[in-house]
Amino acid sequence: MEKLTAKEEEVMQVLWKLDHTFVKDMLPYFTDPPLHYNTVSTIVRNLEEKGYVGHRAYGNTHQYYPIISKEDYQNRFVLKKVVTDYFDNSYKNLVSYFAQNEKISADELREILKMIEKRD
C-alpha cells in the first residue's frame, strides 16, 4: 500500500468520519477550497484503485467506505514518517521531544508507562 497525496488524505479524513457515504454527501466537507463533485469522485476512484476504499453499487451510484482504518494508516505512514524524518527513527527521541518542550506532563508519561507495562 502506498502513501497518499495530500488531497487523497483529505478525502480519506472525510471517509473515516462518515464511514459509508456517497460523493455528493462528502462535498460540504471541502470548503477551503471547495472541491467539485467530479474532483472528489476521481480522487475516491483513485483511492479505490490503491486499495484504501471499497464501494457498494446502487444502480448507477456508489456508496463508498474506507477499507483501511485511520489508525492503521497513521501507524503505517504518518507516525512512521515523522519518527524517521525528524527523530532519527527513534520513538524515544519523539517522546523526549514532547517532554522537553512541555507538550506532555509527567502524569501523562506515567500513564503511558502503565499502558506499556500492561501490554508486556
N, C-alpha and C. Protein backbone atom coordinates (compact mmCIF):
# COMPACT_ATOMS: atom_id res chain seq x y z
N MET A 1 0.84 -1.18 0.00
CA MET A 1 0.00 0.00 0.00
C MET A 1 0.88 1.24 0.00
N GLU A 2 0.57 2.18 -0.87
CA GLU A 2 1.40 3.37 -0.97
C GLU A 2 0.81 4.53 -0.17
N LYS A 3 1.70 5.48 0.18
CA LYS A 3 1.28 6.67 0.91
C LYS A 3 0.39 7.50 0.00
N LEU A 4 -0.51 8.24 0.61
CA LEU A 4 -1.46 9.04 -0.14
C LEU A 4 -0.96 10.46 -0.36
N THR A 5 -1.50 11.11 -1.39
CA THR A 5 -1.22 12.52 -1.61
C THR A 5 -2.01 13.32 -0.57
N ALA A 6 -1.72 14.60 -0.47
CA ALA A 6 -2.41 15.46 0.50
C ALA A 6 -3.93 15.49 0.23
N LYS A 7 -4.33 15.60 -1.02
CA LYS A 7 -5.76 15.61 -1.36
C LYS A 7 -6.41 14.26 -1.06
N GLU A 8 -5.71 13.18 -1.34
CA GLU A 8 -6.25 11.85 -1.03
C GLU A 8 -6.43 11.69 0.47
N GLU A 9 -5.47 12.18 1.25
CA GLU A 9 -5.60 12.12 2.71
C GLU A 9 -6.79 12.95 3.17
N GLU A 10 -6.99 14.10 2.55
CA GLU A 10 -8.13 14.95 2.89
C GLU A 10 -9.45 14.22 2.64
N VAL A 11 -9.55 13.53 1.52
CA VAL A 11 -10.76 12.77 1.20
C VAL A 11 -10.90 11.59 2.17
N MET A 12 -9.81 10.93 2.49
CA MET A 12 -9.88 9.82 3.45
C MET A 12 -10.35 10.29 4.82
N GLN A 13 -9.93 11.48 5.24
CA GLN A 13 -10.39 12.02 6.53
C GLN A 13 -11.92 12.09 6.56
N VAL A 14 -12.51 12.52 5.45
CA VAL A 14 -13.97 12.61 5.37
C VAL A 14 -14.58 11.21 5.36
N LEU A 15 -13.98 10.30 4.62
CA LEU A 15 -14.50 8.92 4.59
C LEU A 15 -14.42 8.27 5.97
N TRP A 16 -13.32 8.49 6.69
CA TRP A 16 -13.21 7.94 8.03
C TRP A 16 -14.27 8.53 8.95
N LYS A 17 -14.57 9.78 8.75
CA LYS A 17 -15.57 10.45 9.59
C LYS A 17 -16.98 9.95 9.27
N LEU A 18 -17.31 9.82 7.99
CA LEU A 18 -18.67 9.46 7.58
C LEU A 18 -18.89 7.96 7.47
N ASP A 19 -17.82 7.20 7.33
CA ASP A 19 -17.82 5.74 7.22
C ASP A 19 -18.37 5.25 5.88
N HIS A 20 -19.67 5.20 5.68
CA HIS A 20 -20.26 4.81 4.41
C HIS A 20 -20.97 6.03 3.84
N THR A 21 -20.58 6.46 2.65
CA THR A 21 -21.14 7.70 2.13
C THR A 21 -21.08 7.77 0.61
N PHE A 22 -21.85 8.68 0.08
CA PHE A 22 -21.87 8.96 -1.34
C PHE A 22 -21.04 10.22 -1.59
N VAL A 23 -20.50 10.36 -2.78
CA VAL A 23 -19.66 11.53 -3.11
C VAL A 23 -20.41 12.82 -2.83
N LYS A 24 -21.68 12.91 -3.20
CA LYS A 24 -22.44 14.15 -3.01
C LYS A 24 -22.52 14.54 -1.54
N ASP A 25 -22.52 13.57 -0.64
CA ASP A 25 -22.59 13.85 0.79
C ASP A 25 -21.24 14.27 1.37
N MET A 26 -20.18 14.08 0.62
CA MET A 26 -18.85 14.47 1.07
C MET A 26 -18.54 15.93 0.75
N LEU A 27 -19.19 16.46 -0.26
CA LEU A 27 -18.86 17.80 -0.77
C LEU A 27 -18.88 18.91 0.28
N PRO A 28 -19.83 18.94 1.22
CA PRO A 28 -19.83 20.03 2.21
C PRO A 28 -18.58 20.06 3.10
N TYR A 29 -17.82 18.99 3.13
CA TYR A 29 -16.62 18.93 3.97
C TYR A 29 -15.40 19.58 3.31
N PHE A 30 -15.53 19.91 2.06
CA PHE A 30 -14.42 20.52 1.32
C PHE A 30 -14.77 21.97 1.02
N THR A 31 -14.36 22.86 1.92
CA THR A 31 -14.75 24.26 1.78
C THR A 31 -13.58 25.19 1.50
N ASP A 32 -12.37 24.77 1.80
CA ASP A 32 -11.23 25.68 1.65
C ASP A 32 -10.06 25.00 0.97
N PRO A 33 -10.01 24.94 -0.34
CA PRO A 33 -11.01 25.44 -1.29
C PRO A 33 -12.10 24.39 -1.51
N PRO A 34 -13.25 24.82 -2.00
CA PRO A 34 -14.31 23.86 -2.32
C PRO A 34 -13.84 22.92 -3.44
N LEU A 35 -14.23 21.67 -3.32
CA LEU A 35 -13.90 20.70 -4.38
C LEU A 35 -15.17 20.37 -5.14
N HIS A 36 -15.04 20.22 -6.44
CA HIS A 36 -16.18 19.88 -7.28
C HIS A 36 -16.46 18.38 -7.20
N TYR A 37 -17.69 18.03 -7.51
CA TYR A 37 -18.13 16.64 -7.49
C TYR A 37 -17.18 15.74 -8.28
N ASN A 38 -16.86 16.14 -9.51
CA ASN A 38 -16.01 15.31 -10.37
C ASN A 38 -14.62 15.11 -9.77
N THR A 39 -14.10 16.13 -9.12
CA THR A 39 -12.78 16.03 -8.49
C THR A 39 -12.81 15.00 -7.36
N VAL A 40 -13.80 15.12 -6.49
CA VAL A 40 -13.91 14.18 -5.37
C VAL A 40 -14.15 12.77 -5.89
N SER A 41 -14.99 12.64 -6.88
CA SER A 41 -15.28 11.33 -7.48
C SER A 41 -14.01 10.69 -8.04
N THR A 42 -13.20 11.47 -8.72
CA THR A 42 -11.94 10.96 -9.28
C THR A 42 -10.99 10.53 -8.17
N ILE A 43 -10.88 11.34 -7.13
CA ILE A 43 -9.99 11.01 -6.01
C ILE A 43 -10.45 9.73 -5.33
N VAL A 44 -11.75 9.60 -5.12
CA VAL A 44 -12.29 8.39 -4.48
C VAL A 44 -12.01 7.15 -5.33
N ARG A 45 -12.17 7.27 -6.63
CA ARG A 45 -11.89 6.12 -7.51
C ARG A 45 -10.40 5.77 -7.46
N ASN A 46 -9.53 6.78 -7.39
CA ASN A 46 -8.09 6.52 -7.25
C ASN A 46 -7.80 5.81 -5.93
N LEU A 47 -8.47 6.23 -4.88
CA LEU A 47 -8.29 5.58 -3.58
C LEU A 47 -8.75 4.13 -3.62
N GLU A 48 -9.79 3.89 -4.38
CA GLU A 48 -10.28 2.51 -4.54
C GLU A 48 -9.25 1.67 -5.30
N GLU A 49 -8.66 2.23 -6.34
CA GLU A 49 -7.63 1.50 -7.09
C GLU A 49 -6.41 1.19 -6.22
N LYS A 50 -6.10 2.08 -5.29
CA LYS A 50 -4.96 1.89 -4.40
C LYS A 50 -5.27 0.94 -3.24
N GLY A 51 -6.53 0.54 -3.09
CA GLY A 51 -6.89 -0.40 -2.06
C GLY A 51 -7.30 0.21 -0.73
N TYR A 52 -7.59 1.49 -0.70
CA TYR A 52 -7.98 2.17 0.53
C TYR A 52 -9.49 2.24 0.72
N VAL A 53 -10.22 2.15 -0.39
CA VAL A 53 -11.66 2.39 -0.38
C VAL A 53 -12.37 1.27 -1.13
N GLY A 54 -13.55 0.91 -0.64
CA GLY A 54 -14.41 -0.02 -1.34
C GLY A 54 -15.72 0.68 -1.67
N HIS A 55 -16.58 0.01 -2.44
CA HIS A 55 -17.87 0.62 -2.74
C HIS A 55 -18.96 -0.43 -2.84
N ARG A 56 -20.16 0.06 -2.71
CA ARG A 56 -21.35 -0.76 -2.91
C ARG A 56 -22.19 -0.03 -3.95
N ALA A 57 -22.56 -0.73 -4.99
CA ALA A 57 -23.30 -0.11 -6.09
C ALA A 57 -24.80 -0.14 -5.83
N TYR A 58 -25.43 0.99 -6.12
CA TYR A 58 -26.89 1.12 -6.09
C TYR A 58 -27.29 1.68 -7.45
N GLY A 59 -27.47 0.82 -8.40
CA GLY A 59 -27.74 1.28 -9.76
C GLY A 59 -26.51 1.98 -10.31
N ASN A 60 -26.67 3.23 -10.72
CA ASN A 60 -25.55 3.99 -11.28
C ASN A 60 -24.76 4.76 -10.23
N THR A 61 -25.18 4.70 -8.99
CA THR A 61 -24.48 5.44 -7.94
C THR A 61 -23.75 4.47 -7.01
N HIS A 62 -22.71 4.98 -6.37
CA HIS A 62 -21.89 4.15 -5.49
C HIS A 62 -21.78 4.75 -4.10
N GLN A 63 -21.89 3.89 -3.13
CA GLN A 63 -21.64 4.29 -1.74
C GLN A 63 -20.24 3.80 -1.40
N TYR A 64 -19.40 4.71 -0.91
CA TYR A 64 -18.00 4.38 -0.64
C TYR A 64 -17.76 4.23 0.85
N TYR A 65 -16.76 3.42 1.17
CA TYR A 65 -16.39 3.20 2.58
C TYR A 65 -14.89 2.90 2.65
N PRO A 66 -14.27 3.29 3.76
CA PRO A 66 -12.83 3.02 3.91
C PRO A 66 -12.57 1.54 4.17
N ILE A 67 -11.53 1.02 3.56
CA ILE A 67 -11.11 -0.37 3.81
C ILE A 67 -10.05 -0.39 4.90
N ILE A 68 -9.21 0.63 4.93
CA ILE A 68 -8.16 0.72 5.93
C ILE A 68 -8.61 1.71 7.00
N SER A 69 -8.39 1.38 8.25
CA SER A 69 -8.80 2.29 9.32
C SER A 69 -7.83 3.45 9.43
N LYS A 70 -8.30 4.50 10.03
CA LYS A 70 -7.46 5.69 10.25
C LYS A 70 -6.24 5.32 11.09
N GLU A 71 -6.44 4.48 12.09
CA GLU A 71 -5.35 4.06 12.97
C GLU A 71 -4.29 3.27 12.20
N ASP A 72 -4.72 2.37 11.33
CA ASP A 72 -3.77 1.61 10.52
C ASP A 72 -2.95 2.52 9.62
N TYR A 73 -3.63 3.49 9.02
CA TYR A 73 -2.92 4.43 8.14
C TYR A 73 -1.92 5.24 8.95
N GLN A 74 -2.34 5.74 10.10
CA GLN A 74 -1.43 6.52 10.95
C GLN A 74 -0.20 5.70 11.31
N ASN A 75 -0.42 4.46 11.70
CA ASN A 75 0.69 3.60 12.10
C ASN A 75 1.63 3.29 10.95
N ARG A 76 1.06 3.05 9.78
CA ARG A 76 1.90 2.67 8.62
C ARG A 76 2.67 3.83 8.02
N PHE A 77 2.05 5.00 7.98
CA PHE A 77 2.65 6.09 7.21
C PHE A 77 2.93 7.36 7.99
N VAL A 78 1.96 7.86 8.69
CA VAL A 78 2.10 9.18 9.29
C VAL A 78 3.14 9.19 10.39
N LEU A 79 2.91 8.41 11.42
CA LEU A 79 3.82 8.40 12.56
C LEU A 79 5.19 7.87 12.17
N LYS A 80 5.22 6.85 11.37
CA LYS A 80 6.50 6.27 10.94
C LYS A 80 7.34 7.31 10.21
N LYS A 81 6.71 8.09 9.33
CA LYS A 81 7.45 9.11 8.57
C LYS A 81 7.98 10.20 9.50
N VAL A 82 7.16 10.64 10.44
CA VAL A 82 7.61 11.68 11.38
C VAL A 82 8.79 11.18 12.20
N VAL A 83 8.67 9.97 12.73
CA VAL A 83 9.75 9.41 13.55
C VAL A 83 11.02 9.24 12.73
N THR A 84 10.88 8.75 11.51
CA THR A 84 12.05 8.54 10.65
C THR A 84 12.69 9.86 10.23
N ASP A 85 11.87 10.80 9.77
CA ASP A 85 12.39 12.04 9.21
C ASP A 85 12.87 13.05 10.25
N TYR A 86 12.26 13.06 11.43
CA TYR A 86 12.56 14.12 12.38
C TYR A 86 13.16 13.66 13.71
N PHE A 87 13.10 12.37 13.99
CA PHE A 87 13.56 11.89 15.30
C PHE A 87 14.53 10.72 15.17
N ASP A 88 15.31 10.70 14.11
CA ASP A 88 16.35 9.69 13.89
C ASP A 88 15.83 8.26 14.07
N ASN A 89 14.61 8.04 13.61
CA ASN A 89 13.98 6.71 13.67
C ASN A 89 13.87 6.19 15.11
N SER A 90 13.68 7.11 16.06
CA SER A 90 13.63 6.74 17.48
C SER A 90 12.36 7.29 18.13
N TYR A 91 11.50 6.38 18.60
CA TYR A 91 10.31 6.80 19.34
C TYR A 91 10.71 7.42 20.68
N LYS A 92 11.83 6.98 21.22
CA LYS A 92 12.34 7.57 22.46
C LYS A 92 12.64 9.06 22.23
N ASN A 93 13.26 9.38 21.11
CA ASN A 93 13.54 10.78 20.79
C ASN A 93 12.25 11.59 20.62
N LEU A 94 11.23 10.97 20.06
CA LEU A 94 9.94 11.63 19.88
C LEU A 94 9.33 11.98 21.24
N VAL A 95 9.27 11.00 22.13
CA VAL A 95 8.70 11.23 23.46
C VAL A 95 9.54 12.24 24.23
N SER A 96 10.85 12.13 24.12
CA SER A 96 11.75 13.07 24.78
C SER A 96 11.50 14.50 24.30
N TYR A 97 11.27 14.66 23.01
CA TYR A 97 10.98 15.98 22.45
C TYR A 97 9.74 16.58 23.12
N PHE A 98 8.68 15.78 23.22
CA PHE A 98 7.45 16.28 23.82
C PHE A 98 7.64 16.59 25.30
N ALA A 99 8.40 15.79 25.99
CA ALA A 99 8.66 16.03 27.41
C ALA A 99 9.48 17.31 27.60
N GLN A 100 10.51 17.49 26.81
CA GLN A 100 11.39 18.65 26.94
C GLN A 100 10.68 19.95 26.56
N ASN A 101 9.73 19.88 25.67
CA ASN A 101 9.02 21.08 25.22
C ASN A 101 7.67 21.25 25.92
N GLU A 102 7.51 20.54 27.04
CA GLU A 102 6.32 20.64 27.89
C GLU A 102 5.02 20.40 27.13
N LYS A 103 5.09 19.49 26.19
CA LYS A 103 3.89 19.10 25.44
C LYS A 103 3.22 17.88 26.08
N ILE A 104 3.92 17.29 27.04
CA ILE A 104 3.40 16.13 27.75
C ILE A 104 3.82 16.25 29.21
N SER A 105 2.90 15.92 30.09
CA SER A 105 3.18 16.06 31.53
C SER A 105 3.75 14.76 32.09
N ALA A 106 4.30 14.87 33.28
CA ALA A 106 4.83 13.68 33.97
C ALA A 106 3.71 12.68 34.22
N ASP A 107 2.52 13.17 34.57
CA ASP A 107 1.38 12.26 34.79
C ASP A 107 1.02 11.52 33.51
N GLU A 108 1.06 12.21 32.37
CA GLU A 108 0.76 11.55 31.10
C GLU A 108 1.82 10.51 30.76
N LEU A 109 3.08 10.82 31.06
CA LEU A 109 4.15 9.85 30.82
C LEU A 109 3.97 8.61 31.69
N ARG A 110 3.58 8.83 32.95
CA ARG A 110 3.33 7.68 33.85
C ARG A 110 2.19 6.82 33.31
N GLU A 111 1.15 7.49 32.79
CA GLU A 111 0.02 6.77 32.19
C GLU A 111 0.48 5.91 31.01
N ILE A 112 1.34 6.50 30.17
CA ILE A 112 1.87 5.77 29.02
C ILE A 112 2.69 4.57 29.48
N LEU A 113 3.52 4.75 30.51
CA LEU A 113 4.31 3.64 31.05
C LEU A 113 3.41 2.52 31.55
N LYS A 114 2.32 2.87 32.22
CA LYS A 114 1.38 1.85 32.71
C LYS A 114 0.78 1.06 31.54
N MET A 115 0.44 1.79 30.46
CA MET A 115 -0.10 1.12 29.27
C MET A 115 0.90 0.15 28.68
N ILE A 116 2.16 0.57 28.63
CA ILE A 116 3.22 -0.29 28.08
C ILE A 116 3.44 -1.51 28.96
N GLU A 117 3.45 -1.30 30.28
CA GLU A 117 3.65 -2.42 31.22
C GLU A 117 2.52 -3.42 31.16
N LYS A 118 1.28 -2.96 30.97
CA LYS A 118 0.14 -3.86 30.85
C LYS A 118 0.23 -4.71 29.60
N ARG A 119 0.79 -4.12 28.54
CA ARG A 119 0.90 -4.81 27.26
C ARG A 119 1.91 -5.96 27.32
N ASP A 120 2.96 -5.76 28.09
CA ASP A 120 4.03 -6.78 28.17
C ASP A 120 3.65 -7.99 28.96
